[in-house]
Amino acid sequence: MIISSEDIDVSSLTPDVTIVGGGAVGLIAAVYLASRKVKVLVLEAGPLQVDPDSQLVFESARSSGRRHLGIYQGRFRALGGTTNFWGGQLVRFDRLVFSPRDWVSGDAWPIGYDQIEQFYKICESLLDVPPELTDDQKLLQLSRTPNVHLDANLTYFFSRWLTEKNFRFRFSHLLKSDPNVTVVTGAPVTMLKFDGSRRSVTSVIVSGPRGPTQVSSRFVVLANGTIEMVRLLQHPTVGEEEAPWSQNPWLGRGFMDHLEGTVAKITPVDRKLFHQLFDNVFLKGMKLQPRLKLSEELQRKERLLGAAFHVKFDSQMEEHVQNAKIFVSGLLKGRFSNPKRIIPELWSAARVGVPMSWHYIKHQRILSPAGGDIQLRIMLEQTPVLSSTLNLTRERDQHGMYLPELCWRVSSETEIRTIQKAVGVVKGYFESRGIAKVDPSKEISGRSPDLLDSFVDTYHHMGGVRMASSEKDGVVDPTARVFGSQNLYVMGAATFPVSGFANPTFTAMAIALRTAEVIRERVVAQ
């Protein structure tokens, strides 16, 4: 059932598990739990679909440190969350990301790749990724990719792009028909309430049309995005008391985002081979984008960060427009059941959609030069920086919650060294095979310390609630349970202690399913 808080008394609901947040992670976890007969309630702060009024809350956020557009423009308070806008890209993290890398961070993930691989597969199944498209080696054969792609320092791979990207529509039938799941929109959670021992969260406080309302459940999951999750964990609990974890030194620290920028101009030499290698592939209705990433061997040898390259054609401006249409169509889909609402709904969607679409077309972390130029773009891992923080200001929003402030900081030394080394490697890759000529940007050729100035954030919010083996090293344990609590879990990229270059959503969903299984087992055991 999907219902507005205006039409239901949420305090009357008695779920096993309350999930705060109806975005990619929250919805896929709810679908997983409901299919396994666990009674789930999803509380989405925003309305059913993106609305200008629901976005106003993000305009009041504060930002200092390095410029970060994503704190304002990359978040959506509506059912489906950021899936209302994203391209639906799925990329697994490399195994190396989960291994100790002392040149990246003093700490590694407390879980290994093998512990989440099965959940990657479950996630692919839930998202209807054709089984034959889940393995890169099979894709190389199906796409007839020339063997010239093989290289010791670079790995050729595909990123997969979902057909139905908006999870509100992807899971619409199940969310409406499965008796084990209830989704309530317009239900922002503003506070947590504890039992007498202050070890268990007994309920969450919802600021709804009926005023503050308590919703009780056996387990509570925060899946409301990195910034809002940290904000809620830092916020005082009922009675304006500090939460048991409020003094954890890792809470709100180590915020990360991927860095992206143009690093070179490409001029094809063997145009046929170039297009055979780097044109998008469409199989089973799914877009597959060929890319290059630094091999794990090279990263270890040279002590580099994770990085991946993709090429962008000037002719792909049309593709960016199509990607922008994904967002607009997502806004419009399902809006016009009432003919009298067509004009106001269209205007409402346009007020949100036009600025975001223009930003995507113009920036997209992409420049579209004239003259048919082809660009080489890099997506780069960020070294965790403890002084990169999320904290609360003393200003409050309309629901009485303190506003968040992001101070994004980037350590440039390893990032710049990785970019310069990676560009040299990829230049050798293209030119030694006679594929194309690569002309690095003047900042790279000149080893400029200002190299990162033109790089932008990618709306990939990570860190702040890092996962660790013990409380002295992080905020949540390897099952994503918050240290200091018995029944509070978090799901999302906020738990990442380090990351590779890949879009974090796929891995966040896989780890969320792993946590969901832990919760399911606890529900059954009780």
Protein backbone atom coordinates (compact mmCIF):
# COMPACT_ATOMS: atom_id res chain seq x y z
CA MET A 1 0.00 0.00 0.00
CA ILE A 2 1.20 3.52 -0.86
CA ILE A 3 -0.65 6.19 1.08
CA SER A 4 -0.18 9.81 2.13
CA SER A 5 0.22 10.71 5.81
CA GLU A 6 -2.84 12.92 5.32
CA ASP A 7 -4.94 9.80 4.82
CA ILE A 8 -3.69 7.54 7.60
CA ASP A 9 -2.84 7.66 11.28
CA VAL A 10 0.72 6.33 11.13
CA SER A 11 0.75 5.62 14.86
CA SER A 12 -1.77 2.83 14.19
CA LEU A 13 0.74 0.90 12.09
CA THR A 14 2.66 -1.94 13.75
CA PRO A 15 5.48 -3.07 11.47
CA ASP A 16 8.37 -5.37 12.31
CA VAL A 17 10.74 -2.97 10.60
CA THR A 18 10.47 0.77 9.98
CA ILE A 19 12.60 2.06 7.11
CA VAL A 20 13.21 5.79 7.07
CA GLY A 21 13.60 6.90 3.45
CA GLY A 22 11.97 5.73 0.22
CA GLY A 23 14.89 6.04 -2.20
CA ALA A 24 16.88 3.36 -4.02
CA VAL A 25 18.27 1.71 -0.89
CA GLY A 26 15.13 1.95 1.23
CA LEU A 27 12.80 0.61 -1.45
CA ILE A 28 14.94 -2.33 -2.52
CA ALA A 29 15.41 -3.34 1.13
CA ALA A 30 11.66 -3.07 1.70
CA VAL A 31 10.93 -5.20 -1.35
CA TYR A 32 13.42 -7.81 -0.18
CA LEU A 33 12.05 -7.97 3.37
CA ALA A 34 8.40 -7.98 2.29
CA SER A 35 9.04 -10.86 -0.11
CA ARG A 36 10.37 -12.81 2.88
CA LYS A 37 7.23 -12.17 4.96
CA VAL A 38 8.65 -9.41 7.13
CA LYS A 39 6.16 -6.62 7.85
CA VAL A 40 7.77 -3.38 6.65
CA LEU A 41 6.82 0.29 6.90
CA VAL A 42 8.61 2.81 4.65
CA LEU A 43 8.40 6.44 5.79
CA GLU A 44 9.16 8.83 2.92
CA ALA A 45 9.59 12.46 3.92
CA GLY A 46 8.48 13.81 0.57
CA PRO A 47 5.34 13.46 -1.53
CA LEU A 48 4.56 10.79 -4.09
CA GLN A 49 6.36 12.69 -6.85
CA VAL A 50 8.94 15.46 -6.95
CA ASP A 51 7.42 18.84 -6.20
CA PRO A 52 9.10 22.26 -5.91
CA ASP A 53 7.85 22.71 -2.37
CA SER A 54 9.36 19.39 -1.29
CA GLN A 55 12.75 20.52 -2.62
CA LEU A 56 12.87 23.75 -0.65
CA VAL A 57 14.37 21.97 2.35
CA PHE A 58 17.61 21.42 0.45
CA GLU A 59 18.02 25.09 -0.40
CA SER A 60 18.55 25.86 3.28
CA ALA A 61 21.52 23.51 3.67
CA ARG A 62 24.87 25.13 4.38
CA SER A 63 28.12 24.42 2.55
CA SER A 64 31.71 25.45 3.25
CA GLY A 65 35.08 24.14 2.18
CA ARG A 66 35.35 22.97 -1.42
CA ARG A 67 32.38 23.87 -3.60
CA HIS A 68 29.81 21.07 -3.64
CA LEU A 69 26.75 21.42 -5.86
CA GLY A 70 25.30 18.08 -4.83
CA ILE A 71 24.23 19.26 -1.40
CA TYR A 72 21.62 21.42 -3.14
CA GLN A 73 20.89 19.90 -6.54
CA GLY A 74 21.50 16.17 -6.30
CA ARG A 75 18.93 15.27 -3.67
CA PHE A 76 15.21 14.60 -4.02
CA ARG A 77 12.60 14.46 -1.29
CA ALA A 78 9.95 12.29 -2.96
CA LEU A 79 9.17 8.60 -3.29
CA GLY A 80 11.97 7.05 -5.33
CA GLY A 81 14.52 9.57 -4.05
CA THR A 82 17.39 10.17 -6.44
CA THR A 83 16.08 7.45 -8.75
CA ASN A 84 13.72 10.17 -10.01
CA PHE A 85 16.76 11.59 -11.79
CA TRP A 86 19.71 9.19 -11.99
CA GLY A 87 20.67 7.32 -15.16
CA GLY A 88 20.37 3.91 -13.49
CA GLN A 89 24.05 3.03 -13.80
CA LEU A 90 25.22 -0.20 -12.13
CA VAL A 91 28.93 -0.78 -11.50
CA ARG A 92 30.33 -3.17 -8.91
CA PHE A 93 33.16 -2.13 -6.64
CA ASP A 94 36.48 -3.82 -7.40
CA ARG A 95 37.73 -6.44 -4.95
CA LEU A 96 40.68 -4.21 -4.17
CA VAL A 97 38.39 -1.60 -2.61
CA PHE A 98 37.60 -4.01 0.24
CA SER A 99 41.29 -4.83 0.84
CA PRO A 100 43.79 -2.93 3.02
CA ARG A 101 45.37 -0.06 1.06
CA ASP A 102 47.64 1.92 3.35
CA TRP A 103 48.15 4.60 0.70
CA VAL A 104 44.41 5.35 0.71
CA SER A 105 43.42 4.95 4.35
CA GLY A 106 44.74 3.38 7.51
CA ASP A 107 41.59 1.28 7.71
CA ALA A 108 39.88 -1.10 5.30
CA TRP A 109 36.34 -2.35 5.03
CA PRO A 110 35.49 -4.80 7.85
CA ILE A 111 33.77 -6.98 5.23
CA GLY A 112 35.15 -8.47 2.04
CA TYR A 113 33.92 -8.61 -1.52
CA ASP A 114 32.99 -12.28 -1.14
CA GLN A 115 30.56 -11.38 1.66
CA ILE A 116 28.47 -9.16 -0.59
CA GLU A 117 28.88 -10.83 -3.98
CA GLN A 118 25.71 -12.93 -3.54
CA PHE A 119 23.80 -9.74 -2.73
CA TYR A 120 25.03 -8.08 -5.91
CA LYS A 121 23.42 -11.02 -7.69
CA ILE A 122 20.16 -10.75 -5.72
CA CYS A 123 20.09 -7.04 -6.49
CA GLU A 124 20.56 -7.71 -10.20
CA SER A 125 17.67 -10.15 -10.08
CA LEU A 126 15.39 -7.67 -8.30
CA LEU A 127 16.30 -5.04 -10.91
CA ASP A 128 15.62 -7.42 -13.82
CA VAL A 129 19.15 -7.36 -15.20
CA PRO A 130 19.27 -10.20 -17.77
CA PRO A 131 21.55 -12.96 -16.38
CA GLU A 132 23.59 -13.09 -19.57
CA LEU A 133 24.45 -9.41 -19.17
CA THR A 134 25.90 -9.64 -15.67
CA ASP A 135 29.34 -10.96 -16.67
CA ASP A 136 31.84 -8.78 -18.56
CA GLN A 137 33.53 -11.75 -20.21
CA LYS A 138 30.22 -12.86 -21.72
CA LEU A 139 29.51 -9.29 -22.77
CA LEU A 140 32.82 -9.11 -24.61
CA GLN A 141 31.72 -12.08 -26.66
CA LEU A 142 28.14 -10.89 -27.19
CA SER A 143 29.29 -7.41 -28.24
CA ARG A 144 32.10 -8.82 -30.42
CA THR A 145 34.62 -6.50 -28.83
CA PRO A 146 38.04 -6.71 -30.56
CA ASN A 147 40.74 -8.40 -28.44
CA VAL A 148 42.90 -5.31 -28.85
CA HIS A 149 41.26 -4.06 -25.66
CA LEU A 150 43.47 -6.33 -23.51
CA ASP A 151 46.09 -4.49 -21.46
CA ALA A 152 48.17 -5.11 -18.33
CA ASN A 153 47.54 -1.68 -16.80
CA LEU A 154 43.97 -1.01 -17.88
CA THR A 155 40.86 -3.15 -17.62
CA TYR A 156 38.12 -2.78 -20.24
CA PHE A 157 34.67 -3.15 -18.72
CA PHE A 158 31.00 -2.24 -19.14
CA SER A 159 28.72 -0.20 -16.92
CA ARG A 160 25.08 -1.29 -17.12
CA TRP A 161 22.18 1.17 -17.31
CA LEU A 162 18.75 0.12 -16.10
CA THR A 163 15.74 0.29 -18.39
CA GLU A 164 13.21 1.45 -15.76
CA LYS A 165 15.30 3.72 -13.56
CA ASN A 166 12.70 5.19 -11.20
CA PHE A 167 12.16 2.72 -8.36
CA ARG A 168 8.73 4.13 -7.62
CA PHE A 169 7.59 2.70 -10.93
CA ARG A 170 9.90 -0.33 -10.99
CA PHE A 171 8.42 -1.64 -7.74
CA SER A 172 5.01 0.00 -8.08
CA HIS A 173 2.94 -3.18 -8.31
CA LEU A 174 4.61 -4.85 -5.34
CA LEU A 175 4.49 -1.72 -3.17
CA LYS A 176 0.76 -1.37 -3.85
CA SER A 177 -0.25 -5.02 -3.58
CA ASP A 178 2.01 -6.81 -1.10
CA PRO A 179 0.30 -6.86 2.33
CA ASN A 180 3.71 -6.97 4.02
CA VAL A 181 4.76 -3.49 2.93
CA THR A 182 3.23 -0.08 3.58
CA VAL A 183 4.69 3.13 2.16
CA VAL A 184 3.64 6.42 3.72
CA THR A 185 4.57 9.64 1.92
CA GLY A 186 4.74 13.08 3.49
CA ALA A 187 6.16 11.52 6.65
CA PRO A 188 9.47 13.16 7.62
CA VAL A 189 11.15 11.52 10.62
CA THR A 190 12.56 14.21 12.88
CA MET A 191 13.61 12.38 16.02
CA LEU A 192 14.28 8.99 17.60
CA LYS A 193 12.88 7.76 20.91
CA PHE A 194 14.64 5.24 23.19
CA ASP A 195 13.63 2.85 25.92
CA GLY A 196 14.77 3.35 29.51
CA SER A 197 18.12 1.66 28.92
CA ARG A 198 18.76 3.94 25.91
CA ARG A 199 19.94 0.91 23.98
CA SER A 200 16.86 0.31 21.83
CA VAL A 201 14.95 2.72 19.62
CA THR A 202 11.31 2.16 20.54
CA SER A 203 9.83 4.55 17.98
CA VAL A 204 10.47 7.31 15.48
CA ILE A 205 8.79 10.70 15.58
CA VAL A 206 7.03 11.70 12.38
CA SER A 207 6.17 15.32 11.65
CA GLY A 208 2.91 14.94 9.78
CA PRO A 209 -0.32 16.82 9.17
CA ARG A 210 -1.61 15.61 12.54
CA GLY A 211 1.43 17.01 14.34
CA PRO A 212 4.28 14.94 15.81
CA THR A 213 3.32 11.26 15.81
CA GLN A 214 5.11 8.19 17.17
CA VAL A 215 5.59 5.06 15.09
CA SER A 216 6.79 2.00 16.97
CA SER A 217 8.54 -1.09 15.59
CA ARG A 218 11.01 -3.77 16.60
CA PHE A 219 13.73 -2.57 14.27
CA VAL A 220 14.49 0.82 12.73
CA VAL A 221 16.52 1.36 9.57
CA LEU A 222 17.83 4.72 8.39
CA ALA A 223 18.01 4.74 4.58
CA ASN A 224 17.39 8.43 3.99
CA GLY A 225 20.61 9.39 2.19
CA THR A 226 24.02 10.30 3.55
CA ILE A 227 23.34 13.91 4.51
CA GLU A 228 19.90 13.36 6.05
CA MET A 229 21.07 10.19 7.79
CA VAL A 230 23.99 11.93 9.49
CA ARG A 231 21.69 14.81 10.34
CA LEU A 232 19.19 12.53 12.11
CA LEU A 233 21.91 10.61 13.97
CA GLN A 234 23.46 13.87 15.22
CA HIS A 235 20.10 15.34 16.19
CA PRO A 236 18.91 15.30 19.81
CA THR A 237 16.45 12.54 20.66
CA VAL A 238 13.07 12.92 22.38
CA GLY A 239 13.53 15.16 25.38
CA GLU A 240 16.40 16.98 23.66
CA GLU A 241 18.79 14.35 24.98
CA GLU A 242 21.96 13.24 23.25
CA ALA A 243 21.90 9.87 21.50
CA PRO A 244 24.18 7.13 22.87
CA TRP A 245 26.45 7.49 19.84
CA SER A 246 26.51 11.28 19.75
CA GLN A 247 30.11 11.44 21.00
CA ASN A 248 31.39 8.91 18.49
CA PRO A 249 34.36 10.74 16.91
CA TRP A 250 33.60 9.26 13.48
CA LEU A 251 30.01 10.44 13.20
CA GLY A 252 29.81 13.01 10.41
CA ARG A 253 33.50 12.70 9.51
CA GLY A 254 35.15 11.40 6.36
CA PHE A 255 32.54 12.67 3.89
CA MET A 256 33.52 11.70 0.34
CA ASP A 257 32.40 12.25 -3.21
CA HIS A 258 33.89 11.19 -6.51
CA LEU A 259 35.77 13.76 -8.55
CA GLU A 260 35.18 14.02 -12.27
CA GLY A 261 36.78 16.09 -14.99
CA THR A 262 38.03 16.30 -18.56
CA VAL A 263 41.67 15.30 -18.84
CA ALA A 264 42.38 15.06 -22.58
CA LYS A 265 41.15 15.50 -26.13
CA ILE A 266 40.97 12.39 -28.30
CA THR A 267 41.47 12.28 -32.07
CA PRO A 268 40.69 8.87 -33.58
CA VAL A 269 43.33 7.40 -35.89
CA ASP A 270 41.52 4.15 -36.67
CA ARG A 271 37.97 5.45 -36.50
CA LYS A 272 36.36 2.05 -37.11
CA LEU A 273 38.31 0.42 -34.28
CA PHE A 274 37.66 3.37 -32.00
CA HIS A 275 33.91 3.07 -32.43
CA GLN A 276 34.01 -0.72 -32.12
CA LEU A 277 35.61 -0.27 -28.72
CA PHE A 278 33.82 2.76 -27.30
CA ASP A 279 30.37 3.09 -28.82
CA ASN A 280 27.57 2.20 -26.41
CA VAL A 281 26.23 -1.33 -26.77
CA PHE A 282 22.51 -2.15 -26.55
CA LEU A 283 21.58 -5.75 -25.66
CA LYS A 284 18.27 -7.05 -24.33
CA GLY A 285 17.06 -3.44 -24.22
CA MET A 286 19.85 -2.43 -21.80
CA LYS A 287 22.49 0.20 -22.51
CA LEU A 288 26.04 -0.97 -21.84
CA GLN A 289 28.75 1.68 -21.73
CA PRO A 290 32.37 0.59 -22.48
CA ARG A 291 34.94 2.10 -20.11
CA LEU A 292 38.54 1.68 -19.00
CA LYS A 293 39.72 1.44 -15.39
CA LEU A 294 43.11 1.19 -13.73
CA SER A 295 44.00 -2.45 -13.12
CA GLU A 296 44.28 -3.61 -9.53
CA GLU A 297 47.89 -4.62 -10.20
CA LEU A 298 48.82 -1.10 -11.30
CA GLN A 299 47.02 0.46 -8.33
CA ARG A 300 49.02 -1.69 -5.91
CA LYS A 301 52.32 -1.21 -7.70
CA GLU A 302 52.05 2.57 -8.06
CA ARG A 303 49.95 3.15 -4.92
CA LEU A 304 47.16 4.81 -6.86
CA LEU A 305 43.49 5.53 -6.22
CA GLY A 306 40.74 3.86 -8.19
CA ALA A 307 39.97 5.63 -11.46
CA ALA A 308 37.99 4.96 -14.63
CA PHE A 309 37.82 6.65 -18.03
CA HIS A 310 35.03 7.14 -20.50
CA VAL A 311 34.89 8.97 -23.81
CA LYS A 312 32.34 11.64 -24.65
CA PHE A 313 31.46 12.61 -28.20
CA ASP A 314 30.19 16.03 -29.17
CA SER A 315 27.42 14.18 -31.01
CA GLN A 316 26.38 12.72 -27.68
CA MET A 317 24.83 16.05 -26.77
CA GLU A 318 21.68 14.41 -28.03
CA GLU A 319 22.29 11.58 -25.58
CA HIS A 320 22.56 14.05 -22.69
CA VAL A 321 19.28 15.59 -23.74
CA GLN A 322 17.76 12.10 -23.74
CA ASN A 323 19.15 11.49 -20.26
CA ALA A 324 17.61 14.76 -19.13
CA LYS A 325 14.32 13.55 -20.59
CA ILE A 326 14.57 10.54 -18.28
CA PHE A 327 14.26 12.92 -15.37
CA VAL A 328 11.46 14.98 -16.88
CA SER A 329 9.49 11.89 -17.91
CA GLY A 330 9.93 10.54 -14.39
CA LEU A 331 8.46 13.75 -13.04
CA LEU A 332 5.52 13.61 -15.40
CA LYS A 333 4.79 9.90 -15.25
CA GLY A 334 1.59 9.17 -13.41
CA ARG A 335 0.72 12.83 -12.86
CA PHE A 336 -2.19 13.25 -15.23
CA SER A 337 -4.92 10.89 -14.04
CA ASN A 338 -7.08 13.96 -13.37
CA PRO A 339 -7.54 16.14 -16.50
CA LYS A 340 -8.17 19.21 -14.32
CA ARG A 341 -4.67 18.85 -12.89
CA ILE A 342 -2.75 18.77 -16.18
CA ILE A 343 -1.74 22.46 -16.27
CA PRO A 344 -0.75 22.84 -12.58
CA GLU A 345 1.03 19.48 -12.54
CA LEU A 346 2.93 20.31 -15.73
CA TRP A 347 3.96 23.64 -14.27
CA SER A 348 4.99 22.00 -11.01
CA ALA A 349 7.16 19.47 -12.85
CA ALA A 350 8.67 22.15 -15.07
CA ARG A 351 9.70 24.28 -12.10
CA VAL A 352 11.84 21.42 -10.83
CA GLY A 353 12.67 19.70 -14.12
CA VAL A 354 13.84 22.55 -16.32
CA PRO A 355 16.63 23.82 -14.01
CA MET A 356 17.83 20.30 -13.24
CA SER A 357 17.71 19.23 -16.88
CA TRP A 358 19.62 22.32 -17.98
CA HIS A 359 22.23 21.68 -15.31
CA TYR A 360 22.56 18.09 -16.53
CA ILE A 361 22.89 19.13 -20.17
CA LYS A 362 25.28 21.98 -19.49
CA HIS A 363 27.50 20.43 -16.82
CA GLN A 364 26.69 16.72 -16.38
CA ARG A 365 30.24 16.85 -15.23
CA ILE A 366 30.62 17.11 -19.04
CA LEU A 367 31.77 19.88 -21.33
CA SER A 368 30.45 19.78 -24.90
CA PRO A 369 33.03 21.61 -27.04
CA ALA A 370 32.28 22.77 -30.56
CA GLY A 371 33.93 21.27 -33.61
CA GLY A 372 33.14 17.65 -32.94
CA ASP A 373 35.81 17.18 -30.28
CA ILE A 374 35.95 13.91 -28.34
CA GLN A 375 36.80 14.19 -24.68
CA LEU A 376 38.44 11.80 -22.28
CA ARG A 377 36.76 11.99 -18.89
CA ILE A 378 37.99 10.50 -15.63
CA MET A 379 35.98 9.44 -12.56
CA LEU A 380 38.27 9.42 -9.55
CA GLU A 381 38.16 7.96 -6.07
CA GLN A 382 38.63 10.42 -3.21
CA THR A 383 41.03 9.78 -0.38
CA PRO A 384 39.03 9.90 2.90
CA VAL A 385 39.74 13.13 4.79
CA LEU A 386 38.64 13.28 8.43
CA SER A 387 38.21 17.06 8.27
CA SER A 388 35.64 16.59 5.50
CA THR A 389 32.58 16.80 7.70
CA LEU A 390 28.83 17.00 8.07
CA ASN A 391 27.62 18.88 11.14
CA LEU A 392 24.50 20.57 12.47
CA THR A 393 24.06 24.33 12.54
CA ARG A 394 21.93 26.04 15.19
CA GLU A 395 19.30 27.01 12.62
CA ARG A 396 16.15 24.91 12.38
CA ASP A 397 13.88 23.96 9.50
CA GLN A 398 10.08 24.01 9.45
CA HIS A 399 9.99 20.65 11.26
CA GLY A 400 12.23 21.85 14.09
CA MET A 401 15.33 19.95 12.92
CA TYR A 402 18.74 21.59 12.93
CA LEU A 403 20.00 22.34 9.43
CA PRO A 404 23.06 20.46 8.13
CA GLU A 405 26.34 22.04 7.06
CA LEU A 406 28.77 20.28 4.74
CA CYS A 407 32.46 21.11 4.78
CA TRP A 408 33.84 19.09 1.87
CA ARG A 409 37.59 18.74 1.77
CA VAL A 410 39.81 16.92 -0.70
CA SER A 411 43.43 15.86 -0.19
CA SER A 412 45.04 16.59 -3.53
CA GLU A 413 48.41 14.83 -3.46
CA THR A 414 47.34 11.23 -4.20
CA GLU A 415 44.49 12.42 -6.40
CA ILE A 416 46.76 14.49 -8.66
CA ARG A 417 49.42 11.78 -8.83
CA THR A 418 46.75 9.22 -9.77
CA ILE A 419 45.33 11.44 -12.52
CA GLN A 420 48.74 12.16 -14.03
CA LYS A 421 49.79 8.52 -13.98
CA ALA A 422 46.44 7.31 -15.27
CA VAL A 423 46.40 9.77 -18.18
CA GLY A 424 49.89 8.65 -19.19
CA VAL A 425 48.79 5.02 -19.11
CA VAL A 426 45.64 5.62 -21.14
CA LYS A 427 47.56 7.74 -23.66
CA GLY A 428 49.89 4.79 -24.21
CA TYR A 429 46.90 2.47 -24.53
CA PHE A 430 45.27 4.45 -27.33
CA GLU A 431 48.41 5.43 -29.21
CA SER A 432 50.35 2.14 -29.04
CA ARG A 433 47.40 0.36 -30.65
CA GLY A 434 46.88 3.00 -33.31
CA ILE A 435 43.37 3.68 -31.99
CA ALA A 436 43.61 7.42 -31.34
CA LYS A 437 45.86 10.32 -30.49
CA VAL A 438 45.48 11.64 -26.94
CA ASP A 439 46.28 15.28 -26.09
CA PRO A 440 46.28 15.79 -22.30
CA SER A 441 45.05 19.10 -20.92
CA LYS A 442 47.66 21.74 -20.18
CA GLU A 443 47.12 21.32 -16.42
CA ILE A 444 48.15 17.66 -16.65
CA SER A 445 51.03 18.25 -19.07
CA GLY A 446 52.33 21.01 -16.84
CA ARG A 447 51.73 19.08 -13.60
CA SER A 448 49.75 22.04 -12.31
CA PRO A 449 48.85 22.08 -8.59
CA ASP A 450 45.55 23.60 -9.70
CA LEU A 451 44.65 20.47 -11.64
CA LEU A 452 41.67 19.64 -9.41
CA ASP A 453 40.14 23.12 -9.66
CA SER A 454 38.14 22.16 -12.74
CA PHE A 455 36.96 18.86 -11.24
CA VAL A 456 33.44 18.67 -9.85
CA ASP A 457 31.47 16.52 -7.44
CA THR A 458 29.27 13.77 -8.86
CA TYR A 459 26.38 13.74 -6.35
CA HIS A 460 27.89 10.52 -4.92
CA HIS A 461 27.58 11.25 -1.19
CA MET A 462 29.59 8.75 0.87
CA GLY A 463 30.98 8.45 4.38
CA GLY A 464 30.00 10.04 7.68
CA VAL A 465 28.64 6.83 9.24
CA ARG A 466 31.58 4.61 8.48
CA MET A 467 31.50 0.85 8.95
CA ALA A 468 34.17 -0.71 11.19
CA SER A 469 34.93 -3.72 13.35
CA SER A 470 34.83 -1.71 16.57
CA GLU A 471 33.31 1.48 17.95
CA LYS A 472 36.71 3.18 18.20
CA ASP A 473 37.07 2.92 14.42
CA GLY A 474 33.56 3.66 13.15
CA VAL A 475 29.87 4.32 13.71
CA VAL A 476 28.32 1.02 12.59
CA ASP A 477 29.42 -2.60 12.89
CA PRO A 478 29.90 -5.00 9.93
CA THR A 479 26.13 -5.68 9.84
CA ALA A 480 25.47 -1.90 9.70
CA ARG A 481 24.01 -1.80 13.22
CA VAL A 482 24.81 1.47 14.98
CA PHE A 483 27.26 1.01 17.84
CA GLY A 484 25.49 1.81 21.11
CA SER A 485 22.13 0.50 19.91
CA GLN A 486 20.47 -2.88 19.77
CA ASN A 487 17.99 -2.39 16.96
CA LEU A 488 19.03 0.64 14.87
CA TYR A 489 20.60 -0.02 11.47
CA VAL A 490 21.67 2.20 8.60
CA MET A 491 21.69 1.48 4.87
CA GLY A 492 23.48 3.53 2.25
CA ALA A 493 26.79 4.88 1.04
CA ALA A 494 27.23 6.78 4.32
CA THR A 495 28.69 3.55 5.74
CA PHE A 496 31.57 3.45 3.22
CA PRO A 497 34.98 3.86 4.92
CA VAL A 498 36.68 4.04 1.51
CA SER A 499 35.45 3.70 -2.06
CA GLY A 500 36.68 3.04 -5.55
CA PHE A 501 35.66 5.07 -8.57
CA ALA A 502 32.31 3.34 -9.13
CA ASN A 503 28.86 4.87 -8.72
CA PRO A 504 28.08 3.89 -5.09
CA THR A 505 24.38 3.08 -5.48
CA PHE A 506 24.77 -0.53 -6.62
CA THR A 507 27.12 -1.42 -3.78
CA ALA A 508 24.95 0.48 -1.28
CA MET A 509 21.95 -1.59 -2.40
CA ALA A 510 23.89 -4.86 -2.19
CA ILE A 511 25.11 -4.12 1.33
CA ALA A 512 21.59 -3.02 2.27
CA LEU A 513 20.27 -6.43 1.20
CA ARG A 514 22.93 -8.07 3.33
CA THR A 515 21.77 -6.00 6.31
CA ALA A 516 18.14 -6.76 5.46
CA GLU A 517 18.91 -10.47 5.68
CA VAL A 518 20.49 -9.96 9.12
CA ILE A 519 17.34 -8.15 10.24
CA ARG A 520 15.10 -10.84 8.76
CA GLU A 521 16.94 -13.49 10.74
CA ARG A 522 16.52 -11.46 13.93
CA VAL A 523 12.79 -10.99 13.26
CA VAL A 524 12.36 -14.74 12.81
CA ALA A 525 14.44 -15.51 15.90
CA GLN A 526 12.28 -13.27 18.07
